[in-house]
Amino acid sequence: MAHVSVTINGRQYRMACEDGQENHLIWLSGDLDRRIGQLRAQFGEIGDMRLTMMAALTVGDELVEAGKRLRRLEEELAGLQDARAVATERAQATQAAVAAALNSAAERIERVIKGLNRGLGENVAIG
């Protein structure tokens, strides 16, 4: 387990984290410190606990909104995947219908050619 020292709201904290997560923890603490600083600039000196609580609520609100957006995007993705499956099925059906029509036309052409060949006699062949 790794340890890092971070500064939040002018106070230094020694925190533990998983190995390899040190930079992430430093970034998170820096983000929280910036948020507290922005709130202090906006509201003035209203108390450390209040500023910290407001910053935590802001982060929580952003997290909830991000979760809602993620769910909407997941629903949209599922809808797009369903539409893609339907479109694929339609394309396959269309492809099969075109192939069947071409096969049918080829068979009719062959029958016409055979009929013409019989009518013309064995000495002259068409096709």
N, C-alpha and C. Protein backbone atom coordinates (compact mmCIF):
# COMPACT_ATOMS: atom_id res chain seq x y z
N MET A 1 0.85 -1.17 0.00
CA MET A 1 0.00 0.00 0.00
C MET A 1 0.89 1.23 0.00
N ALA A 2 0.57 2.16 -0.88
CA ALA A 2 1.35 3.40 -1.02
C ALA A 2 0.77 4.49 -0.13
N HIS A 3 1.60 5.48 0.15
CA HIS A 3 1.17 6.64 0.94
C HIS A 3 1.57 7.91 0.19
N VAL A 4 0.68 8.90 0.22
CA VAL A 4 0.98 10.19 -0.38
C VAL A 4 0.55 11.29 0.57
N SER A 5 1.20 12.43 0.44
CA SER A 5 0.80 13.61 1.20
C SER A 5 0.09 14.55 0.24
N VAL A 6 -1.10 14.99 0.64
CA VAL A 6 -1.88 15.91 -0.19
C VAL A 6 -2.26 17.12 0.65
N THR A 7 -2.52 18.22 -0.04
CA THR A 7 -2.95 19.44 0.65
C THR A 7 -4.34 19.79 0.15
N ILE A 8 -5.26 19.88 1.12
CA ILE A 8 -6.64 20.25 0.81
C ILE A 8 -7.02 21.38 1.76
N ASN A 9 -7.44 22.49 1.18
CA ASN A 9 -7.88 23.63 1.97
C ASN A 9 -6.81 24.10 2.94
N GLY A 10 -5.56 24.09 2.46
CA GLY A 10 -4.46 24.58 3.28
C GLY A 10 -3.95 23.60 4.32
N ARG A 11 -4.53 22.43 4.40
CA ARG A 11 -4.10 21.44 5.40
C ARG A 11 -3.49 20.24 4.68
N GLN A 12 -2.45 19.72 5.28
CA GLN A 12 -1.76 18.58 4.70
C GLN A 12 -2.30 17.28 5.33
N TYR A 13 -2.51 16.29 4.46
CA TYR A 13 -3.02 14.99 4.90
C TYR A 13 -2.13 13.90 4.30
N ARG A 14 -1.82 12.93 5.12
CA ARG A 14 -1.09 11.75 4.63
C ARG A 14 -2.14 10.67 4.41
N MET A 15 -2.22 10.18 3.16
CA MET A 15 -3.27 9.24 2.80
C MET A 15 -2.68 7.97 2.20
N ALA A 16 -3.36 6.88 2.42
CA ALA A 16 -2.95 5.59 1.84
C ALA A 16 -3.80 5.32 0.61
N CYS A 17 -3.19 4.64 -0.34
CA CYS A 17 -3.90 4.24 -1.54
C CYS A 17 -3.24 2.98 -2.11
N GLU A 18 -3.90 2.38 -3.06
CA GLU A 18 -3.33 1.20 -3.70
C GLU A 18 -2.09 1.61 -4.49
N ASP A 19 -1.15 0.70 -4.59
CA ASP A 19 0.05 0.97 -5.38
C ASP A 19 -0.35 1.32 -6.81
N GLY A 20 0.29 2.34 -7.34
CA GLY A 20 -0.01 2.78 -8.69
C GLY A 20 -1.11 3.83 -8.78
N GLN A 21 -1.79 4.09 -7.67
CA GLN A 21 -2.88 5.06 -7.65
C GLN A 21 -2.48 6.40 -7.05
N GLU A 22 -1.21 6.57 -6.81
CA GLU A 22 -0.74 7.79 -6.15
C GLU A 22 -1.09 9.05 -6.95
N ASN A 23 -0.79 9.06 -8.24
CA ASN A 23 -1.06 10.25 -9.06
C ASN A 23 -2.55 10.54 -9.14
N HIS A 24 -3.35 9.50 -9.18
CA HIS A 24 -4.80 9.69 -9.22
C HIS A 24 -5.30 10.34 -7.93
N LEU A 25 -4.80 9.87 -6.80
CA LEU A 25 -5.18 10.45 -5.51
C LEU A 25 -4.71 11.91 -5.41
N ILE A 26 -3.53 12.18 -5.91
CA ILE A 26 -3.03 13.55 -5.90
C ILE A 26 -3.92 14.44 -6.77
N TRP A 27 -4.32 13.93 -7.95
CA TRP A 27 -5.21 14.69 -8.83
C TRP A 27 -6.56 14.95 -8.17
N LEU A 28 -7.14 13.90 -7.54
CA LEU A 28 -8.43 14.04 -6.86
C LEU A 28 -8.36 15.08 -5.74
N SER A 29 -7.30 15.01 -4.95
CA SER A 29 -7.18 15.98 -3.85
C SER A 29 -6.99 17.39 -4.40
N GLY A 30 -6.24 17.53 -5.48
CA GLY A 30 -6.07 18.84 -6.11
C GLY A 30 -7.39 19.37 -6.64
N ASP A 31 -8.20 18.50 -7.22
CA ASP A 31 -9.52 18.90 -7.72
C ASP A 31 -10.40 19.39 -6.56
N LEU A 32 -10.41 18.65 -5.47
CA LEU A 32 -11.20 19.06 -4.31
C LEU A 32 -10.69 20.39 -3.74
N ASP A 33 -9.37 20.54 -3.69
CA ASP A 33 -8.79 21.78 -3.19
C ASP A 33 -9.19 22.97 -4.08
N ARG A 34 -9.17 22.77 -5.40
CA ARG A 34 -9.58 23.84 -6.34
C ARG A 34 -11.05 24.19 -6.14
N ARG A 35 -11.88 23.18 -5.95
CA ARG A 35 -13.31 23.43 -5.74
C ARG A 35 -13.54 24.26 -4.47
N ILE A 36 -12.84 23.88 -3.41
CA ILE A 36 -12.98 24.63 -2.15
C ILE A 36 -12.50 26.07 -2.37
N GLY A 37 -11.42 26.24 -3.10
CA GLY A 37 -10.91 27.58 -3.39
C GLY A 37 -11.91 28.40 -4.19
N GLN A 38 -12.57 27.77 -5.16
CA GLN A 38 -13.58 28.48 -5.95
C GLN A 38 -14.78 28.88 -5.08
N LEU A 39 -15.19 27.98 -4.21
CA LEU A 39 -16.30 28.30 -3.31
C LEU A 39 -15.92 29.42 -2.35
N ARG A 40 -14.69 29.39 -1.86
CA ARG A 40 -14.22 30.44 -0.95
C ARG A 40 -14.24 31.79 -1.68
N ALA A 41 -13.80 31.79 -2.96
CA ALA A 41 -13.80 33.03 -3.73
C ALA A 41 -15.22 33.52 -3.98
N GLN A 42 -16.13 32.58 -4.13
CA GLN A 42 -17.52 32.94 -4.42
C GLN A 42 -18.28 33.39 -3.18
N PHE A 43 -18.09 32.69 -2.05
CA PHE A 43 -18.89 32.94 -0.84
C PHE A 43 -18.11 33.61 0.28
N GLY A 44 -16.81 33.70 0.17
CA GLY A 44 -16.01 34.30 1.23
C GLY A 44 -15.70 33.27 2.31
N GLU A 45 -15.22 33.75 3.42
CA GLU A 45 -14.85 32.89 4.55
C GLU A 45 -16.12 32.51 5.31
N ILE A 46 -16.67 31.36 4.99
CA ILE A 46 -17.89 30.90 5.66
C ILE A 46 -17.63 29.68 6.54
N GLY A 47 -16.36 29.37 6.73
CA GLY A 47 -16.00 28.25 7.58
C GLY A 47 -15.49 27.08 6.76
N ASP A 48 -14.43 26.48 7.27
CA ASP A 48 -13.79 25.37 6.57
C ASP A 48 -14.73 24.19 6.36
N MET A 49 -15.45 23.83 7.41
CA MET A 49 -16.36 22.68 7.30
C MET A 49 -17.45 22.94 6.29
N ARG A 50 -18.00 24.13 6.31
CA ARG A 50 -19.08 24.47 5.37
C ARG A 50 -18.55 24.43 3.93
N LEU A 51 -17.36 24.99 3.70
CA LEU A 51 -16.77 24.97 2.36
C LEU A 51 -16.50 23.54 1.90
N THR A 52 -15.97 22.73 2.80
CA THR A 52 -15.69 21.33 2.46
C THR A 52 -16.99 20.59 2.16
N MET A 53 -18.02 20.84 2.96
CA MET A 53 -19.31 20.20 2.74
C MET A 53 -19.91 20.63 1.41
N MET A 54 -19.83 21.92 1.10
CA MET A 54 -20.36 22.41 -0.17
C MET A 54 -19.60 21.79 -1.35
N ALA A 55 -18.30 21.66 -1.23
CA ALA A 55 -17.50 21.04 -2.29
C ALA A 55 -17.89 19.57 -2.46
N ALA A 56 -18.07 18.87 -1.32
CA ALA A 56 -18.47 17.46 -1.38
C ALA A 56 -19.85 17.31 -2.02
N LEU A 57 -20.78 18.21 -1.68
CA LEU A 57 -22.11 18.15 -2.29
C LEU A 57 -22.05 18.45 -3.79
N THR A 58 -21.19 19.36 -4.19
CA THR A 58 -21.02 19.67 -5.61
C THR A 58 -20.50 18.44 -6.36
N VAL A 59 -19.51 17.78 -5.79
CA VAL A 59 -18.97 16.57 -6.40
C VAL A 59 -20.04 15.48 -6.45
N GLY A 60 -20.78 15.33 -5.36
CA GLY A 60 -21.87 14.34 -5.33
C GLY A 60 -22.92 14.63 -6.38
N ASP A 61 -23.28 15.90 -6.54
CA ASP A 61 -24.27 16.28 -7.54
C ASP A 61 -23.77 15.96 -8.95
N GLU A 62 -22.52 16.26 -9.22
CA GLU A 62 -21.94 15.95 -10.52
C GLU A 62 -21.93 14.44 -10.77
N LEU A 63 -21.66 13.68 -9.74
CA LEU A 63 -21.65 12.23 -9.86
C LEU A 63 -23.04 11.69 -10.18
N VAL A 64 -24.06 12.20 -9.49
CA VAL A 64 -25.44 11.78 -9.75
C VAL A 64 -25.84 12.13 -11.17
N GLU A 65 -25.52 13.35 -11.61
CA GLU A 65 -25.85 13.77 -12.98
C GLU A 65 -25.11 12.93 -14.01
N ALA A 66 -23.86 12.61 -13.74
CA ALA A 66 -23.09 11.76 -14.66
C ALA A 66 -23.71 10.35 -14.72
N GLY A 67 -24.18 9.85 -13.59
CA GLY A 67 -24.85 8.55 -13.57
C GLY A 67 -26.13 8.56 -14.40
N LYS A 68 -26.90 9.64 -14.27
CA LYS A 68 -28.13 9.76 -15.06
C LYS A 68 -27.80 9.81 -16.55
N ARG A 69 -26.80 10.60 -16.88
CA ARG A 69 -26.41 10.71 -18.30
C ARG A 69 -25.93 9.37 -18.82
N LEU A 70 -25.17 8.65 -18.01
CA LEU A 70 -24.68 7.34 -18.41
C LEU A 70 -25.84 6.39 -18.67
N ARG A 71 -26.84 6.40 -17.80
CA ARG A 71 -28.01 5.53 -18.00
C ARG A 71 -28.76 5.91 -19.28
N ARG A 72 -28.91 7.22 -19.53
CA ARG A 72 -29.58 7.65 -20.77
C ARG A 72 -28.79 7.19 -21.99
N LEU A 73 -27.47 7.32 -21.94
CA LEU A 73 -26.64 6.90 -23.06
C LEU A 73 -26.67 5.39 -23.25
N GLU A 74 -26.74 4.65 -22.14
CA GLU A 74 -26.84 3.19 -22.24
C GLU A 74 -28.16 2.79 -22.89
N GLU A 75 -29.25 3.49 -22.51
CA GLU A 75 -30.55 3.22 -23.12
C GLU A 75 -30.53 3.56 -24.61
N GLU A 76 -29.91 4.68 -24.93
CA GLU A 76 -29.81 5.09 -26.34
C GLU A 76 -28.98 4.07 -27.12
N LEU A 77 -27.89 3.62 -26.53
CA LEU A 77 -27.05 2.62 -27.17
C LEU A 77 -27.83 1.33 -27.40
N ALA A 78 -28.59 0.90 -26.41
CA ALA A 78 -29.40 -0.32 -26.56
C ALA A 78 -30.40 -0.15 -27.70
N GLY A 79 -31.02 1.02 -27.78
CA GLY A 79 -31.96 1.29 -28.87
C GLY A 79 -31.27 1.25 -30.22
N LEU A 80 -30.09 1.84 -30.30
CA LEU A 80 -29.34 1.83 -31.55
C LEU A 80 -28.91 0.41 -31.93
N GLN A 81 -28.55 -0.38 -30.93
CA GLN A 81 -28.18 -1.77 -31.21
C GLN A 81 -29.38 -2.57 -31.71
N ASP A 82 -30.56 -2.32 -31.12
CA ASP A 82 -31.78 -2.97 -31.60
C ASP A 82 -32.09 -2.55 -33.03
N ALA A 83 -31.96 -1.25 -33.32
CA ALA A 83 -32.22 -0.75 -34.66
C ALA A 83 -31.24 -1.35 -35.66
N ARG A 84 -30.01 -1.49 -35.24
CA ARG A 84 -28.99 -2.09 -36.10
C ARG A 84 -29.35 -3.54 -36.40
N ALA A 85 -29.79 -4.28 -35.40
CA ALA A 85 -30.17 -5.68 -35.61
C ALA A 85 -31.33 -5.77 -36.59
N VAL A 86 -32.33 -4.90 -36.44
CA VAL A 86 -33.48 -4.89 -37.35
C VAL A 86 -33.01 -4.55 -38.76
N ALA A 87 -32.15 -3.56 -38.89
CA ALA A 87 -31.65 -3.17 -40.21
C ALA A 87 -30.85 -4.30 -40.85
N THR A 88 -30.08 -5.01 -40.05
CA THR A 88 -29.30 -6.14 -40.57
C THR A 88 -30.24 -7.23 -41.06
N GLU A 89 -31.28 -7.52 -40.28
CA GLU A 89 -32.26 -8.53 -40.71
C GLU A 89 -32.95 -8.11 -42.00
N ARG A 90 -33.32 -6.84 -42.11
CA ARG A 90 -33.96 -6.34 -43.33
C ARG A 90 -33.01 -6.44 -44.52
N ALA A 91 -31.75 -6.10 -44.31
CA ALA A 91 -30.77 -6.16 -45.39
C ALA A 91 -30.58 -7.60 -45.86
N GLN A 92 -30.54 -8.52 -44.90
CA GLN A 92 -30.40 -9.93 -45.27
C GLN A 92 -31.63 -10.42 -46.02
N ALA A 93 -32.81 -10.01 -45.59
CA ALA A 93 -34.04 -10.41 -46.28
C ALA A 93 -34.07 -9.82 -47.69
N THR A 94 -33.67 -8.56 -47.81
CA THR A 94 -33.63 -7.92 -49.14
C THR A 94 -32.63 -8.62 -50.04
N GLN A 95 -31.48 -8.94 -49.49
CA GLN A 95 -30.45 -9.64 -50.26
C GLN A 95 -30.97 -11.01 -50.72
N ALA A 96 -31.65 -11.72 -49.86
CA ALA A 96 -32.21 -13.03 -50.23
C ALA A 96 -33.28 -12.87 -51.30
N ALA A 97 -34.11 -11.83 -51.18
CA ALA A 97 -35.17 -11.60 -52.18
C ALA A 97 -34.56 -11.25 -53.53
N VAL A 98 -33.52 -10.43 -53.55
CA VAL A 98 -32.86 -10.07 -54.80
C VAL A 98 -32.21 -11.30 -55.43
N ALA A 99 -31.56 -12.11 -54.62
CA ALA A 99 -30.94 -13.34 -55.13
C ALA A 99 -31.99 -14.27 -55.71
N ALA A 100 -33.12 -14.40 -55.03
CA ALA A 100 -34.20 -15.27 -55.53
C ALA A 100 -34.76 -14.72 -56.84
N ALA A 101 -34.93 -13.42 -56.94
CA ALA A 101 -35.44 -12.81 -58.17
C ALA A 101 -34.46 -13.01 -59.32
N LEU A 102 -33.17 -12.86 -59.05
CA LEU A 102 -32.16 -13.07 -60.09
C LEU A 102 -32.14 -14.53 -60.54
N ASN A 103 -32.24 -15.46 -59.58
CA ASN A 103 -32.28 -16.88 -59.92
C ASN A 103 -33.51 -17.19 -60.77
N SER A 104 -34.64 -16.62 -60.39
CA SER A 104 -35.87 -16.84 -61.15
C SER A 104 -35.74 -16.28 -62.56
N ALA A 105 -35.17 -15.09 -62.69
CA ALA A 105 -34.97 -14.49 -64.01
C ALA A 105 -34.02 -15.33 -64.85
N ALA A 106 -32.96 -15.83 -64.23
CA ALA A 106 -32.01 -16.67 -64.95
C ALA A 106 -32.69 -17.96 -65.44
N GLU A 107 -33.53 -18.55 -64.62
CA GLU A 107 -34.24 -19.77 -65.02
C GLU A 107 -35.18 -19.48 -66.19
N ARG A 108 -35.89 -18.35 -66.14
CA ARG A 108 -36.79 -17.98 -67.24
C ARG A 108 -36.01 -17.74 -68.53
N ILE A 109 -34.86 -17.08 -68.41
CA ILE A 109 -34.03 -16.84 -69.60
C ILE A 109 -33.57 -18.16 -70.19
N GLU A 110 -33.15 -19.08 -69.32
CA GLU A 110 -32.72 -20.41 -69.80
C GLU A 110 -33.87 -21.13 -70.51
N ARG A 111 -35.08 -21.04 -69.95
CA ARG A 111 -36.24 -21.69 -70.59
C ARG A 111 -36.53 -21.06 -71.96
N VAL A 112 -36.44 -19.74 -72.04
CA VAL A 112 -36.67 -19.06 -73.32
C VAL A 112 -35.63 -19.49 -74.34
N ILE A 113 -34.37 -19.54 -73.91
CA ILE A 113 -33.30 -19.95 -74.82
C ILE A 113 -33.51 -21.38 -75.30
N LYS A 114 -33.89 -22.26 -74.38
CA LYS A 114 -34.16 -23.66 -74.78
C LYS A 114 -35.31 -23.72 -75.76
N GLY A 115 -36.35 -22.93 -75.50
CA GLY A 115 -37.49 -22.90 -76.42
C GLY A 115 -37.10 -22.38 -77.79
N LEU A 116 -36.30 -21.34 -77.81
CA LEU A 116 -35.83 -20.79 -79.08
C LEU A 116 -34.96 -21.79 -79.82
N ASN A 117 -34.09 -22.48 -79.07
CA ASN A 117 -33.22 -23.48 -79.69
C ASN A 117 -34.05 -24.61 -80.29
N ARG A 118 -35.10 -25.04 -79.61
CA ARG A 118 -35.95 -26.11 -80.15
C ARG A 118 -36.67 -25.62 -81.41
N GLY A 119 -37.10 -24.37 -81.38
CA GLY A 119 -37.82 -23.82 -82.52
C GLY A 119 -36.95 -23.62 -83.73
N LEU A 120 -35.68 -23.32 -83.52
CA LEU A 120 -34.77 -23.06 -84.62
C LEU A 120 -34.16 -24.34 -85.17
N GLY A 121 -34.24 -25.36 -84.42
CA GLY A 121 -33.65 -26.64 -84.86
C GLY A 121 -32.32 -26.86 -84.18
N GLU A 122 -31.78 -27.98 -84.43
CA GLU A 122 -30.56 -28.41 -83.77
C GLU A 122 -29.32 -27.79 -84.41
N ASN A 123 -29.41 -27.26 -85.61
CA ASN A 123 -28.22 -26.74 -86.29
C ASN A 123 -27.80 -25.38 -85.77
N VAL A 124 -28.72 -24.57 -85.28
CA VAL A 124 -28.41 -23.22 -84.80
C VAL A 124 -28.70 -23.17 -83.31
N ALA A 125 -27.73 -22.73 -82.55
CA ALA A 125 -27.93 -22.63 -81.09
C ALA A 125 -27.76 -21.19 -80.64
N ILE A 126 -28.64 -20.80 -79.74
CA ILE A 126 -28.56 -19.46 -79.14
C ILE A 126 -28.06 -19.62 -77.71
N GLY A 127 -27.16 -18.81 -77.33
CA GLY A 127 -26.67 -18.81 -75.97
C GLY A 127 -25.77 -19.91 -75.74
